N, C-alpha and C. Protein backbone atom coordinates (compact mmCIF):
# COMPACT_ATOMS: atom_id res chain seq x y z
N UNK A 1 0.75 0.06 -25.95
CA UNK A 1 0.45 1.35 -26.55
C UNK A 1 -0.40 2.16 -25.56
N UNK A 2 -0.27 3.46 -25.63
CA UNK A 2 -0.98 4.36 -24.72
C UNK A 2 -1.82 5.33 -25.54
N UNK A 3 -3.03 5.52 -25.13
CA UNK A 3 -3.90 6.49 -25.78
C UNK A 3 -3.59 7.88 -25.23
N UNK A 4 -3.74 8.94 -26.06
CA UNK A 4 -3.52 10.30 -25.56
C UNK A 4 -4.40 10.54 -24.33
N UNK A 5 -3.80 11.22 -23.36
CA UNK A 5 -4.52 11.50 -22.12
C UNK A 5 -4.41 10.38 -21.11
N UNK A 6 -3.99 9.21 -21.56
CA UNK A 6 -3.84 8.08 -20.66
C UNK A 6 -2.39 7.72 -20.44
N UNK A 7 -1.52 8.68 -20.58
CA UNK A 7 -0.09 8.42 -20.47
C UNK A 7 0.27 8.13 -19.02
N UNK A 8 0.94 7.00 -18.84
CA UNK A 8 1.36 6.54 -17.53
C UNK A 8 2.88 6.54 -17.51
N UNK A 9 3.47 7.36 -16.64
CA UNK A 9 4.92 7.49 -16.60
C UNK A 9 5.51 6.86 -15.35
N UNK A 10 6.77 6.46 -15.48
CA UNK A 10 7.56 5.93 -14.39
C UNK A 10 8.88 6.70 -14.36
N UNK A 11 9.13 7.45 -13.29
CA UNK A 11 10.35 8.25 -13.17
C UNK A 11 11.43 7.43 -12.48
N UNK A 12 12.57 7.25 -13.16
CA UNK A 12 13.65 6.46 -12.59
C UNK A 12 14.44 7.26 -11.55
N UNK A 13 15.52 6.68 -11.03
CA UNK A 13 16.30 7.34 -9.98
C UNK A 13 16.84 8.70 -10.43
N UNK A 14 17.16 8.85 -11.70
CA UNK A 14 17.75 10.11 -12.18
C UNK A 14 16.73 11.23 -12.33
N UNK A 15 15.45 10.90 -12.29
CA UNK A 15 14.39 11.91 -12.43
C UNK A 15 13.39 11.82 -11.29
N UNK A 16 13.82 11.30 -10.18
CA UNK A 16 12.97 10.95 -9.05
C UNK A 16 12.76 12.11 -8.07
N UNK A 17 13.40 13.26 -8.31
CA UNK A 17 13.31 14.37 -7.36
C UNK A 17 11.90 14.90 -7.19
N UNK A 18 11.62 15.37 -5.99
CA UNK A 18 10.27 15.81 -5.63
C UNK A 18 9.77 16.93 -6.53
N UNK A 19 10.57 17.96 -6.74
CA UNK A 19 10.12 19.12 -7.53
C UNK A 19 9.82 18.72 -8.98
N UNK A 20 10.69 17.91 -9.57
CA UNK A 20 10.46 17.45 -10.95
C UNK A 20 9.22 16.56 -11.00
N UNK A 21 9.11 15.62 -10.06
CA UNK A 21 7.97 14.70 -10.05
C UNK A 21 6.65 15.46 -9.92
N UNK A 22 6.61 16.45 -9.06
CA UNK A 22 5.37 17.23 -8.90
C UNK A 22 5.01 17.96 -10.19
N UNK A 23 6.00 18.51 -10.87
CA UNK A 23 5.73 19.22 -12.13
C UNK A 23 5.25 18.25 -13.20
N UNK A 24 5.86 17.09 -13.29
CA UNK A 24 5.46 16.09 -14.28
C UNK A 24 4.04 15.62 -14.00
N UNK A 25 3.71 15.44 -12.74
CA UNK A 25 2.37 14.96 -12.39
C UNK A 25 1.28 15.98 -12.75
N UNK A 26 1.63 17.25 -12.85
CA UNK A 26 0.65 18.25 -13.31
C UNK A 26 0.36 18.05 -14.80
N UNK A 27 1.37 17.64 -15.58
CA UNK A 27 1.19 17.40 -17.01
C UNK A 27 0.64 16.00 -17.29
N UNK A 28 1.17 15.03 -16.57
CA UNK A 28 0.80 13.62 -16.74
C UNK A 28 0.43 13.07 -15.36
N UNK A 29 -0.84 13.20 -14.95
CA UNK A 29 -1.23 12.84 -13.58
C UNK A 29 -0.91 11.40 -13.17
N UNK A 30 -0.93 10.47 -14.11
CA UNK A 30 -0.67 9.08 -13.76
C UNK A 30 0.83 8.80 -13.87
N UNK A 31 1.58 9.44 -12.97
CA UNK A 31 3.03 9.31 -12.92
C UNK A 31 3.41 8.76 -11.55
N UNK A 32 4.35 7.84 -11.54
CA UNK A 32 4.86 7.29 -10.29
C UNK A 32 6.38 7.34 -10.34
N UNK A 33 6.99 7.61 -9.18
CA UNK A 33 8.45 7.61 -9.09
C UNK A 33 8.92 6.24 -8.63
N UNK A 34 10.18 5.96 -8.89
CA UNK A 34 10.75 4.69 -8.45
C UNK A 34 10.67 4.57 -6.93
N UNK A 35 10.82 5.70 -6.23
CA UNK A 35 10.72 5.69 -4.77
C UNK A 35 9.31 5.38 -4.28
N UNK A 36 8.31 5.88 -4.99
CA UNK A 36 6.92 5.58 -4.63
C UNK A 36 6.61 4.11 -4.91
N UNK A 37 7.17 3.59 -5.98
CA UNK A 37 6.89 2.22 -6.43
C UNK A 37 7.47 1.18 -5.48
N UNK A 38 8.75 1.34 -5.16
CA UNK A 38 9.46 0.33 -4.37
C UNK A 38 9.71 0.73 -2.92
N UNK A 39 9.51 1.99 -2.60
CA UNK A 39 9.93 2.53 -1.31
C UNK A 39 11.27 3.21 -1.52
N UNK A 40 11.50 4.32 -0.85
CA UNK A 40 12.68 5.14 -1.11
C UNK A 40 13.97 4.37 -0.91
N UNK A 41 14.14 3.72 0.22
CA UNK A 41 15.39 3.00 0.49
C UNK A 41 15.56 1.81 -0.45
N UNK A 42 14.50 1.05 -0.64
CA UNK A 42 14.57 -0.13 -1.51
C UNK A 42 14.85 0.25 -2.96
N UNK A 43 14.36 1.40 -3.40
CA UNK A 43 14.54 1.83 -4.79
C UNK A 43 16.01 1.98 -5.16
N UNK A 44 16.84 2.32 -4.18
CA UNK A 44 18.27 2.49 -4.45
C UNK A 44 18.94 1.19 -4.83
N UNK A 45 18.33 0.07 -4.49
CA UNK A 45 18.95 -1.24 -4.73
C UNK A 45 18.32 -2.00 -5.89
N UNK A 46 17.24 -1.48 -6.44
CA UNK A 46 16.56 -2.17 -7.54
C UNK A 46 17.40 -2.03 -8.81
N UNK A 47 17.68 -3.16 -9.43
CA UNK A 47 18.44 -3.14 -10.68
C UNK A 47 17.62 -2.47 -11.79
N UNK A 48 18.32 -1.80 -12.69
CA UNK A 48 17.64 -1.12 -13.80
C UNK A 48 16.81 -2.09 -14.62
N UNK A 49 17.34 -3.29 -14.86
CA UNK A 49 16.58 -4.25 -15.67
C UNK A 49 15.28 -4.65 -14.98
N UNK A 50 15.27 -4.62 -13.65
CA UNK A 50 14.05 -4.98 -12.90
C UNK A 50 12.99 -3.89 -13.00
N UNK A 51 13.38 -2.62 -12.75
CA UNK A 51 12.35 -1.58 -12.80
C UNK A 51 11.88 -1.34 -14.22
N UNK A 52 12.76 -1.53 -15.22
CA UNK A 52 12.32 -1.41 -16.62
C UNK A 52 11.24 -2.46 -16.89
N UNK A 53 11.49 -3.69 -16.47
CA UNK A 53 10.50 -4.77 -16.65
C UNK A 53 9.21 -4.44 -15.92
N UNK A 54 9.31 -4.06 -14.65
CA UNK A 54 8.12 -3.82 -13.84
C UNK A 54 7.30 -2.64 -14.36
N UNK A 55 7.96 -1.55 -14.68
CA UNK A 55 7.25 -0.37 -15.19
C UNK A 55 6.57 -0.66 -16.51
N UNK A 56 7.27 -1.35 -17.39
CA UNK A 56 6.72 -1.67 -18.71
C UNK A 56 5.55 -2.64 -18.60
N UNK A 57 5.69 -3.63 -17.73
CA UNK A 57 4.61 -4.59 -17.52
C UNK A 57 3.34 -3.88 -17.04
N UNK A 58 3.52 -2.79 -16.30
CA UNK A 58 2.39 -2.01 -15.81
C UNK A 58 1.90 -0.98 -16.84
N UNK A 59 2.46 -1.01 -18.05
CA UNK A 59 2.02 -0.10 -19.11
C UNK A 59 2.57 1.31 -19.00
N UNK A 60 3.64 1.47 -18.25
CA UNK A 60 4.21 2.80 -18.05
C UNK A 60 5.34 3.09 -19.03
N UNK A 61 5.50 4.36 -19.32
CA UNK A 61 6.63 4.83 -20.12
C UNK A 61 7.69 5.30 -19.13
N UNK A 62 8.91 4.83 -19.33
CA UNK A 62 10.02 5.16 -18.44
C UNK A 62 10.55 6.55 -18.77
N UNK A 63 11.00 7.25 -17.74
CA UNK A 63 11.60 8.57 -17.90
C UNK A 63 12.91 8.59 -17.13
N UNK A 64 13.98 9.05 -17.79
CA UNK A 64 15.27 9.12 -17.12
C UNK A 64 16.19 10.13 -17.76
N UNK A 65 17.37 10.26 -17.15
CA UNK A 65 18.37 11.16 -17.73
C UNK A 65 19.75 10.50 -17.73
N UNK A 66 19.79 9.21 -17.54
CA UNK A 66 21.04 8.46 -17.55
C UNK A 66 21.24 7.84 -18.93
N UNK A 67 22.09 8.47 -19.73
CA UNK A 67 22.29 8.02 -21.12
C UNK A 67 22.97 6.66 -21.21
N UNK A 68 23.47 6.13 -20.10
CA UNK A 68 24.09 4.81 -20.16
C UNK A 68 23.11 3.74 -20.62
N UNK A 69 21.81 4.03 -20.48
CA UNK A 69 20.81 3.07 -20.96
C UNK A 69 21.01 2.78 -22.45
N UNK A 70 21.58 3.73 -23.17
CA UNK A 70 21.76 3.58 -24.62
C UNK A 70 23.02 2.78 -24.97
N UNK A 71 23.85 2.46 -23.97
CA UNK A 71 25.06 1.69 -24.26
C UNK A 71 25.21 0.45 -23.38
N UNK A 72 24.46 0.36 -22.31
CA UNK A 72 24.55 -0.79 -21.42
C UNK A 72 23.79 -1.96 -22.05
N UNK A 73 24.51 -3.04 -22.33
CA UNK A 73 23.92 -4.18 -23.04
C UNK A 73 22.73 -4.77 -22.28
N UNK A 74 22.87 -4.94 -20.98
CA UNK A 74 21.78 -5.55 -20.20
C UNK A 74 20.54 -4.66 -20.18
N UNK A 75 20.75 -3.35 -20.01
CA UNK A 75 19.62 -2.44 -19.97
C UNK A 75 18.94 -2.33 -21.33
N UNK A 76 19.74 -2.26 -22.39
CA UNK A 76 19.16 -2.22 -23.73
C UNK A 76 18.39 -3.50 -24.02
N UNK A 77 18.94 -4.63 -23.59
CA UNK A 77 18.25 -5.90 -23.79
C UNK A 77 16.91 -5.91 -23.05
N UNK A 78 16.87 -5.31 -21.85
CA UNK A 78 15.61 -5.23 -21.10
C UNK A 78 14.61 -4.33 -21.82
N UNK A 79 15.08 -3.23 -22.36
CA UNK A 79 14.20 -2.32 -23.11
C UNK A 79 13.59 -3.08 -24.30
N UNK A 80 14.41 -3.81 -25.02
CA UNK A 80 13.93 -4.55 -26.19
C UNK A 80 13.02 -5.70 -25.77
N UNK A 81 13.48 -6.50 -24.81
CA UNK A 81 12.71 -7.68 -24.38
C UNK A 81 11.32 -7.33 -23.90
N UNK A 82 11.21 -6.22 -23.19
CA UNK A 82 9.92 -5.84 -22.61
C UNK A 82 9.17 -4.79 -23.43
N UNK A 83 9.70 -4.49 -24.62
CA UNK A 83 9.10 -3.48 -25.49
C UNK A 83 8.88 -2.17 -24.74
N UNK A 84 9.89 -1.80 -23.97
CA UNK A 84 9.80 -0.58 -23.17
C UNK A 84 9.77 0.66 -24.05
N UNK A 85 9.14 1.67 -23.52
CA UNK A 85 9.11 2.99 -24.13
C UNK A 85 9.80 3.92 -23.15
N UNK A 86 10.68 4.79 -23.66
CA UNK A 86 11.56 5.55 -22.78
C UNK A 86 11.69 6.97 -23.27
N UNK A 87 11.35 7.94 -22.42
CA UNK A 87 11.68 9.35 -22.65
C UNK A 87 12.96 9.61 -21.86
N UNK A 88 13.97 10.13 -22.54
CA UNK A 88 15.29 10.24 -21.94
C UNK A 88 15.88 11.63 -22.17
N UNK A 89 16.23 12.30 -21.09
CA UNK A 89 16.97 13.55 -21.24
C UNK A 89 18.36 13.20 -21.76
N UNK A 90 18.91 14.02 -22.66
CA UNK A 90 20.19 13.66 -23.30
C UNK A 90 21.40 13.76 -22.39
N UNK A 91 21.25 14.34 -21.20
CA UNK A 91 22.36 14.35 -20.25
C UNK A 91 21.84 14.63 -18.86
N UNK A 92 22.69 14.39 -17.89
CA UNK A 92 22.35 14.57 -16.49
C UNK A 92 22.64 15.98 -16.01
N UNK A 93 23.05 16.87 -16.91
CA UNK A 93 23.49 18.21 -16.51
C UNK A 93 22.40 19.27 -16.54
N UNK A 94 21.20 18.91 -16.95
CA UNK A 94 20.11 19.89 -16.96
C UNK A 94 19.65 20.15 -15.53
N UNK A 95 19.36 21.40 -15.25
CA UNK A 95 18.79 21.71 -13.94
C UNK A 95 17.35 21.21 -13.90
N UNK A 96 16.80 21.12 -12.71
CA UNK A 96 15.40 20.71 -12.58
C UNK A 96 14.50 21.68 -13.33
N UNK A 97 14.80 22.97 -13.24
CA UNK A 97 14.00 23.97 -13.98
C UNK A 97 14.06 23.72 -15.48
N UNK A 98 15.24 23.38 -15.99
CA UNK A 98 15.39 23.10 -17.42
C UNK A 98 14.65 21.82 -17.80
N UNK A 99 14.72 20.80 -16.95
CA UNK A 99 13.98 19.57 -17.22
C UNK A 99 12.47 19.83 -17.26
N UNK A 100 11.98 20.59 -16.31
CA UNK A 100 10.55 20.90 -16.26
C UNK A 100 10.14 21.69 -17.50
N UNK A 101 10.94 22.68 -17.87
CA UNK A 101 10.64 23.49 -19.06
C UNK A 101 10.62 22.62 -20.32
N UNK A 102 11.56 21.69 -20.41
CA UNK A 102 11.61 20.82 -21.58
C UNK A 102 10.40 19.90 -21.61
N UNK A 103 10.02 19.35 -20.48
CA UNK A 103 8.84 18.49 -20.42
C UNK A 103 7.60 19.27 -20.84
N UNK A 104 7.49 20.50 -20.36
CA UNK A 104 6.36 21.34 -20.70
C UNK A 104 6.34 21.64 -22.19
N UNK A 105 7.49 22.00 -22.74
CA UNK A 105 7.57 22.35 -24.17
C UNK A 105 7.28 21.14 -25.07
N UNK A 106 7.63 19.96 -24.62
CA UNK A 106 7.49 18.76 -25.44
C UNK A 106 6.24 17.94 -25.10
N UNK A 107 5.41 18.47 -24.23
CA UNK A 107 4.23 17.76 -23.74
C UNK A 107 3.39 17.16 -24.87
N UNK A 108 3.04 17.96 -25.87
CA UNK A 108 2.18 17.47 -26.95
C UNK A 108 2.89 16.43 -27.80
N UNK A 109 4.17 16.66 -28.10
CA UNK A 109 4.94 15.68 -28.89
C UNK A 109 5.07 14.36 -28.12
N UNK A 110 5.24 14.46 -26.82
CA UNK A 110 5.33 13.25 -26.00
C UNK A 110 4.00 12.49 -26.01
N UNK A 111 2.91 13.21 -25.94
CA UNK A 111 1.59 12.57 -25.98
C UNK A 111 1.39 11.83 -27.30
N UNK A 112 1.85 12.42 -28.40
CA UNK A 112 1.75 11.73 -29.69
C UNK A 112 2.65 10.50 -29.73
N UNK A 113 3.88 10.65 -29.26
CA UNK A 113 4.84 9.54 -29.28
C UNK A 113 4.36 8.38 -28.41
N UNK A 114 3.66 8.70 -27.34
CA UNK A 114 3.22 7.67 -26.40
C UNK A 114 2.26 6.66 -27.02
N UNK A 115 1.65 7.02 -28.14
CA UNK A 115 0.73 6.09 -28.80
C UNK A 115 1.46 5.02 -29.61
N UNK A 116 2.77 5.20 -29.81
CA UNK A 116 3.57 4.25 -30.60
C UNK A 116 3.93 3.04 -29.73
N UNK A 117 3.81 1.83 -30.30
CA UNK A 117 4.24 0.66 -29.53
C UNK A 117 5.76 0.65 -29.37
N UNK A 118 6.23 0.04 -28.30
CA UNK A 118 7.67 -0.06 -28.05
C UNK A 118 8.26 -1.28 -28.71
N UNK A 119 9.53 -1.41 -28.64
CA UNK A 119 10.44 -0.58 -27.86
C UNK A 119 10.89 0.66 -28.63
N UNK A 120 11.10 1.73 -27.89
CA UNK A 120 11.69 2.94 -28.44
C UNK A 120 12.26 3.81 -27.33
N UNK A 121 13.13 4.71 -27.74
CA UNK A 121 13.65 5.76 -26.86
C UNK A 121 13.48 7.07 -27.61
N UNK A 122 12.92 8.06 -26.93
CA UNK A 122 12.86 9.41 -27.46
C UNK A 122 13.70 10.28 -26.55
N UNK A 123 14.77 10.84 -27.10
CA UNK A 123 15.57 11.79 -26.31
C UNK A 123 14.83 13.12 -26.32
N UNK A 124 14.76 13.74 -25.16
CA UNK A 124 14.07 15.02 -24.98
C UNK A 124 15.07 16.14 -25.20
N UNK A 125 15.24 16.56 -26.43
CA UNK A 125 16.23 17.58 -26.76
C UNK A 125 15.58 18.96 -26.84
N UNK A 126 16.41 19.99 -26.83
CA UNK A 126 15.90 21.36 -26.95
C UNK A 126 15.16 21.56 -28.27
N UNK A 127 15.54 20.80 -29.30
CA UNK A 127 14.91 20.93 -30.61
C UNK A 127 13.70 20.03 -30.82
N UNK A 128 13.37 19.21 -29.84
CA UNK A 128 12.24 18.30 -29.97
C UNK A 128 12.62 16.88 -29.57
N UNK A 129 11.77 15.94 -29.94
CA UNK A 129 12.03 14.54 -29.64
C UNK A 129 12.98 13.96 -30.69
N UNK A 130 13.97 13.23 -30.23
CA UNK A 130 14.92 12.55 -31.10
C UNK A 130 14.67 11.05 -30.93
N UNK A 131 14.09 10.44 -31.95
CA UNK A 131 13.61 9.05 -31.89
C UNK A 131 14.73 8.05 -32.16
N UNK A 132 14.83 7.04 -31.29
CA UNK A 132 15.69 5.88 -31.55
C UNK A 132 14.75 4.70 -31.70
N UNK A 133 14.77 4.09 -32.87
CA UNK A 133 13.81 3.05 -33.21
C UNK A 133 14.17 1.71 -32.60
N UNK A 134 13.21 0.80 -32.66
CA UNK A 134 13.41 -0.57 -32.18
C UNK A 134 14.56 -1.23 -32.92
N UNK A 135 14.67 -1.00 -34.22
CA UNK A 135 15.75 -1.61 -35.00
C UNK A 135 17.11 -1.23 -34.45
N UNK A 136 17.30 0.02 -34.14
CA UNK A 136 18.58 0.48 -33.60
C UNK A 136 18.79 -0.08 -32.21
N UNK A 137 17.74 -0.09 -31.39
CA UNK A 137 17.86 -0.63 -30.04
C UNK A 137 18.24 -2.11 -30.06
N UNK A 138 17.72 -2.85 -31.02
CA UNK A 138 18.06 -4.28 -31.15
C UNK A 138 19.49 -4.44 -31.63
N UNK A 139 19.93 -3.60 -32.54
CA UNK A 139 21.28 -3.72 -33.12
C UNK A 139 22.37 -3.40 -32.11
N UNK A 140 22.16 -2.46 -31.22
CA UNK A 140 23.22 -2.03 -30.30
C UNK A 140 23.74 -3.14 -29.40
N UNK A 141 22.88 -3.88 -28.68
CA UNK A 141 23.44 -4.95 -27.84
C UNK A 141 24.10 -6.05 -28.66
N UNK A 142 23.54 -6.35 -29.83
CA UNK A 142 24.14 -7.37 -30.68
C UNK A 142 25.53 -6.94 -31.13
N UNK A 143 25.68 -5.69 -31.50
CA UNK A 143 26.99 -5.17 -31.91
C UNK A 143 27.97 -5.18 -30.74
N UNK A 144 27.49 -4.83 -29.55
CA UNK A 144 28.36 -4.83 -28.37
C UNK A 144 28.83 -6.25 -28.04
N UNK A 145 27.94 -7.21 -28.19
CA UNK A 145 28.31 -8.61 -27.93
C UNK A 145 29.35 -9.09 -28.95
N UNK A 146 29.18 -8.69 -30.21
CA UNK A 146 30.17 -9.06 -31.23
C UNK A 146 31.54 -8.46 -30.91
N UNK A 147 31.53 -7.20 -30.48
CA UNK A 147 32.80 -6.55 -30.12
C UNK A 147 33.46 -7.24 -28.93
N UNK A 148 32.65 -7.67 -27.97
CA UNK A 148 33.19 -8.33 -26.77
C UNK A 148 33.82 -9.69 -27.11
N UNK A 149 33.26 -10.36 -28.11
CA UNK A 149 33.80 -11.67 -28.51
C UNK A 149 35.07 -11.52 -29.35
N UNK A 150 35.23 -10.36 -29.98
CA UNK A 150 36.38 -10.18 -30.90
C UNK A 150 37.68 -9.97 -30.16
C-alpha cells in the first residue's frame, strides 16, 4: 500500500519516453522508467513478468499502455502473484500530450487509488479511473487456462 504523497511509479516500455517520464516526475517525483532501472539496452530484453515482479517488490505502481496485460495469462498471473498495482492507458494510440493531460487530470484520483492494496488495474480513461478488481484479475487467467484445455 502507498500513502498519499509517497506514490512510487514504474514506467514500462510503452510509457518510457523522455517527455512523458519528465511530466510524470513533476506530478510523482519518485518515478523510475524501465530504462533507468535496467539500462536502456537491457530493458528491451526484460520479460514483462520480471519487471512486474521487480517493480512491485520495490513498492512501485506500474504504468503502461499495453492492454495485452489484461489478456496475457503469464502477465496477469504475475500481477496477481505479486499483488501488483497498475495504472494502464486503455490504448497505445494516445499522443504523449494526451497521456500527460490524462495523468494531470487524474492525478488526485490516482493518489487516492494508490492507497489500495493490490492486485488491481486502473485504466486511465477520459472519464476517470476504471477499476479492475483482484477478483477479476484472478478469474481471467483461470478462465483462459480452462479454454486452453477445452
